[in-house]
Amino acid sequence: MNPPVFSIIMPTYNSAHCVGGAIESIKSQDFDNWELWIIDGVSKDETEKVVNDFSQSDSRIHFVSEKDKGIYDAMNKGIRFATGNWLYFLGSDDRLYNNQVLASVAQHLQNRTSGIVYGNVIMNGSKYDGVFTSEKLLQKNISHQAIFYHRTVFQLIGLYNLNYKLHADWDFNLRYFTLPEHETYYVDLMIASFGEGGVSAAHDVDFIRGSLLPRKLAQLSSNVFMLRKIKSFDDWWRLIRNAGIRGDKQLEALYGEMQVPRKLKAIANWQSKIPAKLLRMGVVSKAFMCLCYLITLFQSNR
């Protein structure tokens, strides 16, 4: 028996109020060569009952419920269970955009050698977010609800890093995009409606410190003059703030083996003198950033 084209993996926990709609958006697809693995974290509500109502009449729907270490642990389990050639992750509060999504994507997969094929999602009522390059991925992530991964990608670079509780999918994409032989393909299709207000909107300090910031430092080392631009300076101000780095000594302790520009050390020192509560206030943080920028710009021109 041939494997399905798509393995759809859906982590759930206390999702009885929304999982039915997510399943319906899959079952309504014009394309039917798929399987669905619902990986549950031992929900305390009626999630299992809701899913069983679907799975009893559709053998493509599978339900596994056991304790896990968070959403990425559930996604890793789903990868191990999946038998399809292309893996796709959908949240229990997300929806495929319309009933033609899988059929449209399947057409683009024919004779495709790319490891990742991706499109767009609806986020905050707007389209997100077009073509990604390695540089753009250092600024923002591709929504995982927009991506179809060939199963060989996980064989090549492994599973999601469970050390990153909120942005392991961003780290995974960064790992793939930085491979010399990586190949991606963008299709201008709306894939899903993204459930707003999830944990991914928060800051993952371990991810910023361990994955994102070192890559951005490596990029900056070849063009340190970017820090003369206030937008770039502001990006680094927010990155260091969100990483919770207080002072140049901590910055050097984390990245001493890399070349850390003096302006980044100045940012870290400025932030160490500002109460963390104030730094979290957007207007106040922006005002301090502008002052720090002007002073460092003046000092560098002396």
Foldseek 3Di string as FASTA:
>chain_A
DDAFQEEEEEEDAQLPVFLLQAVVLVVLAPDDRYAYEYEYQPHPDCPVVSQCVVCVVPVSYHYHYHHALADQRSVQVSLVVHDHQKYAYDYSNKHWPHRHQVVVVVVVCVVDPAQKEFEWEQDPNDTDDDDDALVVLLVDHGPSNGMIGGSVLCVVPNGFDVLFRQVSVSQSVNVQRPDPPHGYHYDHDHTMYDDPDDPNVAFRLCCLLPGNVVVVLVVCVVPVVVCLDLVVLVSLLVSCLSNVQAALVSVCVSVVVGDDDPLSRLSNPLVNVDPNVQCVDVVSVVVSSVVSSVVVNVVVVD
